[in-house]
């Protein structure tokens, strides 16, 4: 199995996903397109792709597993379904972007932020 084809399968899995994936989810999706792909290979390639700036590492509150998504130019947030466990990328306008660069009471200076919303995805809410 060639490294380039493995990375292509991994990137394809990430690009087709509605939001950031765990390495296990990447493995399950990429294996459908590239049989014989191993979980250790997925971890290794995700690390390489992150170092090269091709994927973004996503750490969500209340989760110990690291997630990955394709590198995006635009700032965005995530929605985590508490019923099915899927995580989705949100395209909504950021409600707190105005705080970046601001100094908060107590002298805290804001450089960056992340926002994760929790609830039910449309499929789970319909059940």
N, C-alpha and C. Protein backbone atom coordinates (compact mmCIF):
# COMPACT_ATOMS: atom_id res chain seq x y z
N UNK A 1 0.85 -1.17 0.00
CA UNK A 1 0.00 0.00 0.00
C UNK A 1 0.90 1.24 0.00
N UNK A 2 0.67 2.14 -0.86
CA UNK A 2 1.49 3.33 -1.02
C UNK A 2 1.03 4.42 -0.06
N UNK A 3 2.00 5.13 0.54
CA UNK A 3 1.68 6.18 1.52
C UNK A 3 0.74 7.24 0.95
N UNK A 4 0.97 7.63 -0.29
CA UNK A 4 0.14 8.67 -0.90
C UNK A 4 -1.32 8.22 -1.00
N UNK A 5 -1.56 6.98 -1.39
CA UNK A 5 -2.94 6.49 -1.50
C UNK A 5 -3.58 6.36 -0.12
N UNK A 6 -2.81 6.02 0.89
CA UNK A 6 -3.32 5.96 2.25
C UNK A 6 -3.75 7.35 2.71
N UNK A 7 -2.88 8.32 2.50
CA UNK A 7 -3.20 9.70 2.90
C UNK A 7 -4.39 10.23 2.14
N UNK A 8 -4.49 9.88 0.87
CA UNK A 8 -5.65 10.32 0.08
C UNK A 8 -6.94 9.75 0.66
N UNK A 9 -6.92 8.48 1.05
CA UNK A 9 -8.10 7.84 1.64
C UNK A 9 -8.47 8.50 2.97
N UNK A 10 -7.47 8.84 3.75
CA UNK A 10 -7.70 9.50 5.05
C UNK A 10 -8.26 10.90 4.84
N UNK A 11 -7.67 11.66 3.92
CA UNK A 11 -8.18 13.00 3.63
C UNK A 11 -9.59 12.95 3.07
N UNK A 12 -9.86 11.97 2.24
CA UNK A 12 -11.21 11.81 1.67
C UNK A 12 -12.22 11.55 2.78
N UNK A 13 -11.87 10.69 3.72
CA UNK A 13 -12.76 10.40 4.84
C UNK A 13 -13.05 11.67 5.64
N UNK A 14 -12.03 12.48 5.87
CA UNK A 14 -12.22 13.72 6.62
C UNK A 14 -13.05 14.73 5.84
N UNK A 15 -12.81 14.83 4.54
CA UNK A 15 -13.54 15.79 3.71
C UNK A 15 -15.01 15.41 3.55
N UNK A 16 -15.32 14.12 3.57
CA UNK A 16 -16.71 13.67 3.41
C UNK A 16 -17.50 13.74 4.71
N UNK A 17 -16.83 13.91 5.83
CA UNK A 17 -17.49 13.91 7.13
C UNK A 17 -18.18 15.25 7.41
N UNK A 18 -19.28 15.22 8.17
CA UNK A 18 -19.98 16.46 8.51
C UNK A 18 -19.27 17.28 9.58
N UNK A 19 -18.24 16.71 10.19
CA UNK A 19 -17.50 17.40 11.24
C UNK A 19 -16.24 16.63 11.57
N UNK A 20 -15.51 17.04 12.59
CA UNK A 20 -14.25 16.38 12.94
C UNK A 20 -14.46 14.94 13.39
N UNK A 21 -13.52 14.07 13.01
CA UNK A 21 -13.62 12.64 13.31
C UNK A 21 -12.53 12.19 14.27
N UNK A 22 -12.82 11.15 15.03
CA UNK A 22 -11.81 10.50 15.85
C UNK A 22 -10.96 9.63 14.92
N UNK A 23 -9.77 9.23 15.35
CA UNK A 23 -8.98 8.32 14.51
C UNK A 23 -9.74 7.03 14.17
N UNK A 24 -10.50 6.50 15.11
CA UNK A 24 -11.29 5.29 14.85
C UNK A 24 -12.32 5.54 13.75
N UNK A 25 -12.99 6.69 13.79
CA UNK A 25 -13.98 7.03 12.75
C UNK A 25 -13.30 7.24 11.40
N UNK A 26 -12.11 7.85 11.40
CA UNK A 26 -11.35 8.01 10.16
C UNK A 26 -11.01 6.64 9.60
N UNK A 27 -10.55 5.75 10.46
CA UNK A 27 -10.20 4.39 10.06
C UNK A 27 -11.39 3.67 9.42
N UNK A 28 -12.55 3.74 10.08
CA UNK A 28 -13.75 3.05 9.57
C UNK A 28 -14.16 3.60 8.20
N UNK A 29 -14.14 4.92 8.06
CA UNK A 29 -14.54 5.54 6.79
C UNK A 29 -13.50 5.31 5.69
N UNK A 30 -12.23 5.52 6.00
CA UNK A 30 -11.17 5.38 4.99
C UNK A 30 -11.01 3.93 4.55
N UNK A 31 -11.28 2.99 5.44
CA UNK A 31 -11.16 1.57 5.10
C UNK A 31 -12.15 1.15 4.03
N UNK A 32 -13.28 1.82 3.96
CA UNK A 32 -14.26 1.52 2.91
C UNK A 32 -13.71 1.86 1.53
N UNK A 33 -12.87 2.87 1.46
CA UNK A 33 -12.29 3.31 0.19
C UNK A 33 -10.93 2.66 -0.05
N UNK A 34 -10.30 2.19 1.02
CA UNK A 34 -8.94 1.66 0.92
C UNK A 34 -8.81 0.45 1.84
N UNK A 35 -9.34 -0.72 1.43
CA UNK A 35 -9.26 -1.93 2.26
C UNK A 35 -7.80 -2.26 2.59
N UNK A 36 -7.58 -2.76 3.78
CA UNK A 36 -6.24 -3.11 4.20
C UNK A 36 -5.54 -2.01 4.99
N UNK A 37 -6.16 -0.87 5.09
CA UNK A 37 -5.61 0.24 5.86
C UNK A 37 -5.66 -0.13 7.33
N UNK A 38 -4.57 0.10 8.06
CA UNK A 38 -4.52 -0.24 9.48
C UNK A 38 -4.74 0.97 10.36
N UNK A 39 -5.22 0.73 11.57
CA UNK A 39 -5.47 1.82 12.52
C UNK A 39 -4.17 2.55 12.87
N UNK A 40 -3.08 1.82 13.05
CA UNK A 40 -1.79 2.46 13.35
C UNK A 40 -1.36 3.37 12.20
N UNK A 41 -1.63 2.96 10.98
CA UNK A 41 -1.32 3.77 9.80
C UNK A 41 -2.14 5.05 9.81
N UNK A 42 -3.40 4.95 10.22
CA UNK A 42 -4.26 6.14 10.31
C UNK A 42 -3.69 7.12 11.33
N UNK A 43 -3.35 6.63 12.51
CA UNK A 43 -2.76 7.51 13.54
C UNK A 43 -1.48 8.17 13.02
N UNK A 44 -0.61 7.40 12.43
CA UNK A 44 0.67 7.92 11.92
C UNK A 44 0.43 9.00 10.86
N UNK A 45 -0.47 8.72 9.93
CA UNK A 45 -0.74 9.68 8.85
C UNK A 45 -1.46 10.93 9.36
N UNK A 46 -2.35 10.79 10.32
CA UNK A 46 -3.00 11.96 10.90
C UNK A 46 -1.97 12.89 11.54
N UNK A 47 -1.00 12.30 12.23
CA UNK A 47 0.07 13.10 12.83
C UNK A 47 0.89 13.83 11.77
N UNK A 48 1.23 13.13 10.71
CA UNK A 48 1.99 13.74 9.61
C UNK A 48 1.19 14.84 8.93
N UNK A 49 -0.08 14.57 8.66
CA UNK A 49 -0.94 15.56 8.00
C UNK A 49 -1.13 16.80 8.88
N UNK A 50 -1.21 16.60 10.19
CA UNK A 50 -1.33 17.74 11.11
C UNK A 50 -0.05 18.56 11.11
N UNK A 51 1.10 17.90 11.13
CA UNK A 51 2.39 18.60 11.10
C UNK A 51 2.55 19.41 9.81
N UNK A 52 2.04 18.88 8.72
CA UNK A 52 2.15 19.55 7.42
C UNK A 52 1.07 20.60 7.19
N UNK A 53 0.16 20.76 8.15
CA UNK A 53 -0.88 21.77 8.03
C UNK A 53 -2.04 21.39 7.13
N UNK A 54 -2.18 20.10 6.83
CA UNK A 54 -3.26 19.64 5.96
C UNK A 54 -4.54 19.34 6.75
N UNK A 55 -4.39 18.99 8.02
CA UNK A 55 -5.54 18.74 8.89
C UNK A 55 -5.37 19.54 10.18
N UNK A 56 -6.49 19.80 10.82
CA UNK A 56 -6.50 20.52 12.09
C UNK A 56 -6.86 19.56 13.20
N UNK A 57 -6.15 19.66 14.30
CA UNK A 57 -6.43 18.87 15.49
C UNK A 57 -7.53 19.60 16.27
N UNK A 58 -8.58 18.87 16.64
CA UNK A 58 -9.71 19.46 17.36
C UNK A 58 -9.83 18.78 18.72
N UNK A 59 -9.80 19.58 19.78
CA UNK A 59 -10.00 19.09 21.14
C UNK A 59 -11.33 19.66 21.63
N UNK A 60 -12.30 18.79 21.85
CA UNK A 60 -13.60 19.25 22.33
C UNK A 60 -13.68 19.08 23.85
N UNK A 61 -14.35 20.02 24.51
CA UNK A 61 -14.53 19.87 25.96
C UNK A 61 -15.25 18.56 26.26
N UNK A 62 -14.96 17.97 27.38
CA UNK A 62 -15.60 16.72 27.84
C UNK A 62 -15.24 15.50 27.01
N UNK A 63 -14.26 15.61 26.12
CA UNK A 63 -13.81 14.46 25.33
C UNK A 63 -12.32 14.26 25.54
N UNK A 64 -11.92 13.01 25.72
CA UNK A 64 -10.50 12.72 25.87
C UNK A 64 -9.86 12.34 24.54
N UNK A 65 -10.69 11.97 23.56
CA UNK A 65 -10.18 11.57 22.25
C UNK A 65 -9.99 12.79 21.36
N UNK A 66 -8.85 12.88 20.72
CA UNK A 66 -8.57 13.95 19.77
C UNK A 66 -9.33 13.69 18.48
N UNK A 67 -9.84 14.73 17.88
CA UNK A 67 -10.52 14.64 16.60
C UNK A 67 -9.70 15.39 15.56
N UNK A 68 -10.01 15.11 14.29
CA UNK A 68 -9.29 15.74 13.18
C UNK A 68 -10.29 16.18 12.12
N UNK A 69 -9.95 17.27 11.44
CA UNK A 69 -10.75 17.75 10.32
C UNK A 69 -9.82 18.38 9.30
N UNK A 70 -10.29 18.50 8.04
CA UNK A 70 -9.44 19.14 7.03
C UNK A 70 -9.16 20.59 7.43
N UNK A 71 -8.00 21.07 7.07
CA UNK A 71 -7.65 22.47 7.37
C UNK A 71 -8.63 23.39 6.65
N UNK A 72 -9.23 24.29 7.37
CA UNK A 72 -10.18 25.25 6.81
C UNK A 72 -9.61 26.66 6.96
N UNK A 73 -9.89 27.48 5.98
CA UNK A 73 -9.44 28.88 6.05
C UNK A 73 -10.33 29.67 7.00
N UNK A 74 -11.62 29.33 7.02
CA UNK A 74 -12.58 30.10 7.80
C UNK A 74 -12.71 29.56 9.23
N UNK A 75 -12.84 30.47 10.16
CA UNK A 75 -13.09 30.11 11.56
C UNK A 75 -14.49 29.50 11.66
N UNK A 76 -14.64 28.47 12.46
CA UNK A 76 -15.95 27.84 12.62
C UNK A 76 -16.04 27.17 13.99
N UNK A 77 -17.23 26.72 14.33
CA UNK A 77 -17.49 26.07 15.61
C UNK A 77 -18.09 24.70 15.38
N UNK A 78 -18.35 23.99 16.48
CA UNK A 78 -18.84 22.62 16.38
C UNK A 78 -20.11 22.41 17.21
N UNK A 79 -20.88 21.41 16.79
CA UNK A 79 -22.08 20.97 17.51
C UNK A 79 -21.90 19.49 17.81
N UNK A 80 -22.07 19.12 19.06
CA UNK A 80 -21.92 17.73 19.48
C UNK A 80 -23.28 17.18 19.89
N UNK A 81 -23.72 16.13 19.20
CA UNK A 81 -25.01 15.51 19.52
C UNK A 81 -24.83 14.62 20.74
N UNK A 82 -25.58 14.90 21.77
CA UNK A 82 -25.49 14.13 23.01
C UNK A 82 -26.18 12.78 22.90
N UNK A 83 -26.94 12.57 21.83
CA UNK A 83 -27.66 11.31 21.65
C UNK A 83 -26.83 10.30 20.85
N UNK A 84 -26.35 10.68 19.67
CA UNK A 84 -25.63 9.73 18.82
C UNK A 84 -24.11 9.89 18.91
N UNK A 85 -23.63 10.98 19.49
CA UNK A 85 -22.20 11.18 19.65
C UNK A 85 -21.49 11.80 18.47
N UNK A 86 -22.21 12.06 17.38
CA UNK A 86 -21.57 12.68 16.21
C UNK A 86 -21.27 14.15 16.49
N UNK A 87 -20.24 14.64 15.83
CA UNK A 87 -19.86 16.04 15.93
C UNK A 87 -19.98 16.66 14.55
N UNK A 88 -20.59 17.84 14.48
CA UNK A 88 -20.84 18.52 13.22
C UNK A 88 -20.12 19.87 13.21
N UNK A 89 -19.72 20.27 12.02
CA UNK A 89 -19.14 21.59 11.83
C UNK A 89 -20.28 22.57 11.58
N UNK A 90 -20.25 23.72 12.25
CA UNK A 90 -21.29 24.73 12.07
C UNK A 90 -20.77 25.85 11.17
N UNK A 91 -21.62 26.30 10.28
CA UNK A 91 -21.26 27.39 9.38
C UNK A 91 -21.83 28.73 9.83
N UNK A 92 -22.41 28.76 11.00
CA UNK A 92 -23.06 29.98 11.49
C UNK A 92 -22.03 31.07 11.79
N UNK A 93 -22.48 32.30 11.74
CA UNK A 93 -21.64 33.44 12.09
C UNK A 93 -21.23 33.32 13.55
N UNK A 94 -20.00 33.62 13.84
CA UNK A 94 -19.47 33.48 15.20
C UNK A 94 -20.00 34.59 16.10
N UNK A 95 -20.70 34.23 17.18
CA UNK A 95 -21.27 35.24 18.07
C UNK A 95 -20.27 35.90 19.02
N UNK A 96 -19.08 35.32 19.16
CA UNK A 96 -18.13 35.87 20.12
C UNK A 96 -16.83 36.38 19.49
N UNK A 97 -16.77 36.44 18.18
CA UNK A 97 -15.56 36.90 17.50
C UNK A 97 -15.19 38.32 17.90
N UNK A 98 -16.17 39.12 18.27
CA UNK A 98 -15.90 40.50 18.66
C UNK A 98 -15.02 40.58 19.91
N UNK A 99 -14.93 39.50 20.66
CA UNK A 99 -14.10 39.50 21.88
C UNK A 99 -12.61 39.29 21.60
N UNK A 100 -12.27 38.79 20.41
CA UNK A 100 -10.86 38.57 20.11
C UNK A 100 -10.14 39.91 20.05
N UNK A 101 -9.04 39.99 20.77
CA UNK A 101 -8.28 41.23 20.84
C UNK A 101 -8.74 42.13 21.98
N UNK A 102 -9.84 41.77 22.62
CA UNK A 102 -10.37 42.58 23.72
C UNK A 102 -9.66 42.24 25.02
N UNK A 103 -9.72 43.17 25.94
CA UNK A 103 -9.25 42.93 27.31
C UNK A 103 -10.48 42.82 28.19
N UNK A 104 -10.61 41.69 28.85
CA UNK A 104 -11.76 41.43 29.71
C UNK A 104 -11.51 41.99 31.11
N UNK A 105 -12.56 42.14 31.90
CA UNK A 105 -12.36 42.58 33.28
C UNK A 105 -11.35 41.68 33.98
N UNK A 106 -10.47 42.29 34.76
CA UNK A 106 -9.42 41.53 35.43
C UNK A 106 -8.13 41.51 34.63
N UNK A 107 -8.16 42.08 33.41
CA UNK A 107 -6.95 42.17 32.59
C UNK A 107 -6.70 40.99 31.67
N UNK A 108 -7.67 40.09 31.52
CA UNK A 108 -7.51 38.94 30.63
C UNK A 108 -7.58 39.40 29.18
N UNK A 109 -6.57 39.04 28.39
CA UNK A 109 -6.54 39.43 26.98
C UNK A 109 -6.90 38.23 26.12
N UNK A 110 -7.90 38.39 25.27
CA UNK A 110 -8.42 37.31 24.43
C UNK A 110 -7.61 37.24 23.14
N UNK A 111 -7.05 36.05 22.85
CA UNK A 111 -6.31 35.84 21.61
C UNK A 111 -7.07 34.95 20.64
N UNK A 112 -7.79 33.98 21.17
CA UNK A 112 -8.49 33.02 20.35
C UNK A 112 -9.63 32.42 21.16
N UNK A 113 -10.47 31.65 20.52
CA UNK A 113 -11.56 30.98 21.23
C UNK A 113 -12.04 29.79 20.43
N UNK A 114 -12.78 28.92 21.11
CA UNK A 114 -13.48 27.83 20.44
C UNK A 114 -14.83 27.70 21.13
N UNK A 115 -15.79 27.24 20.37
CA UNK A 115 -17.15 27.13 20.89
C UNK A 115 -17.72 25.81 20.44
N UNK A 116 -18.23 25.04 21.39
CA UNK A 116 -18.90 23.77 21.08
C UNK A 116 -20.28 23.83 21.68
N UNK A 117 -21.28 23.62 20.86
CA UNK A 117 -22.67 23.58 21.32
C UNK A 117 -23.09 22.12 21.47
N UNK A 118 -23.96 21.86 22.43
CA UNK A 118 -24.40 20.49 22.71
C UNK A 118 -25.91 20.40 22.64
N UNK A 119 -26.42 19.28 22.16
CA UNK A 119 -27.85 19.05 22.08
C UNK A 119 -28.13 17.84 21.23
N UNK A 120 -29.21 17.89 20.46
CA UNK A 120 -29.60 16.79 19.57
C UNK A 120 -29.48 17.23 18.12
N UNK A 121 -28.87 16.36 17.30
CA UNK A 121 -28.79 16.63 15.86
C UNK A 121 -30.18 16.45 15.26
N UNK A 122 -30.43 16.91 14.04
CA UNK A 122 -31.77 16.79 13.43
C UNK A 122 -32.29 15.34 13.39
N UNK A 123 -31.42 14.38 13.08
CA UNK A 123 -31.87 12.98 12.99
C UNK A 123 -32.30 12.46 14.36
N UNK A 124 -31.54 12.78 15.40
CA UNK A 124 -31.90 12.30 16.75
C UNK A 124 -33.10 13.05 17.30
N UNK A 125 -33.22 14.33 16.99
CA UNK A 125 -34.37 15.12 17.46
C UNK A 125 -35.66 14.63 16.85
N UNK A 126 -35.59 14.07 15.63
CA UNK A 126 -36.79 13.59 14.92
C UNK A 126 -37.32 12.27 15.49
N UNK A 127 -36.47 11.56 16.25
CA UNK A 127 -36.88 10.25 16.80
C UNK A 127 -37.79 10.38 17.97
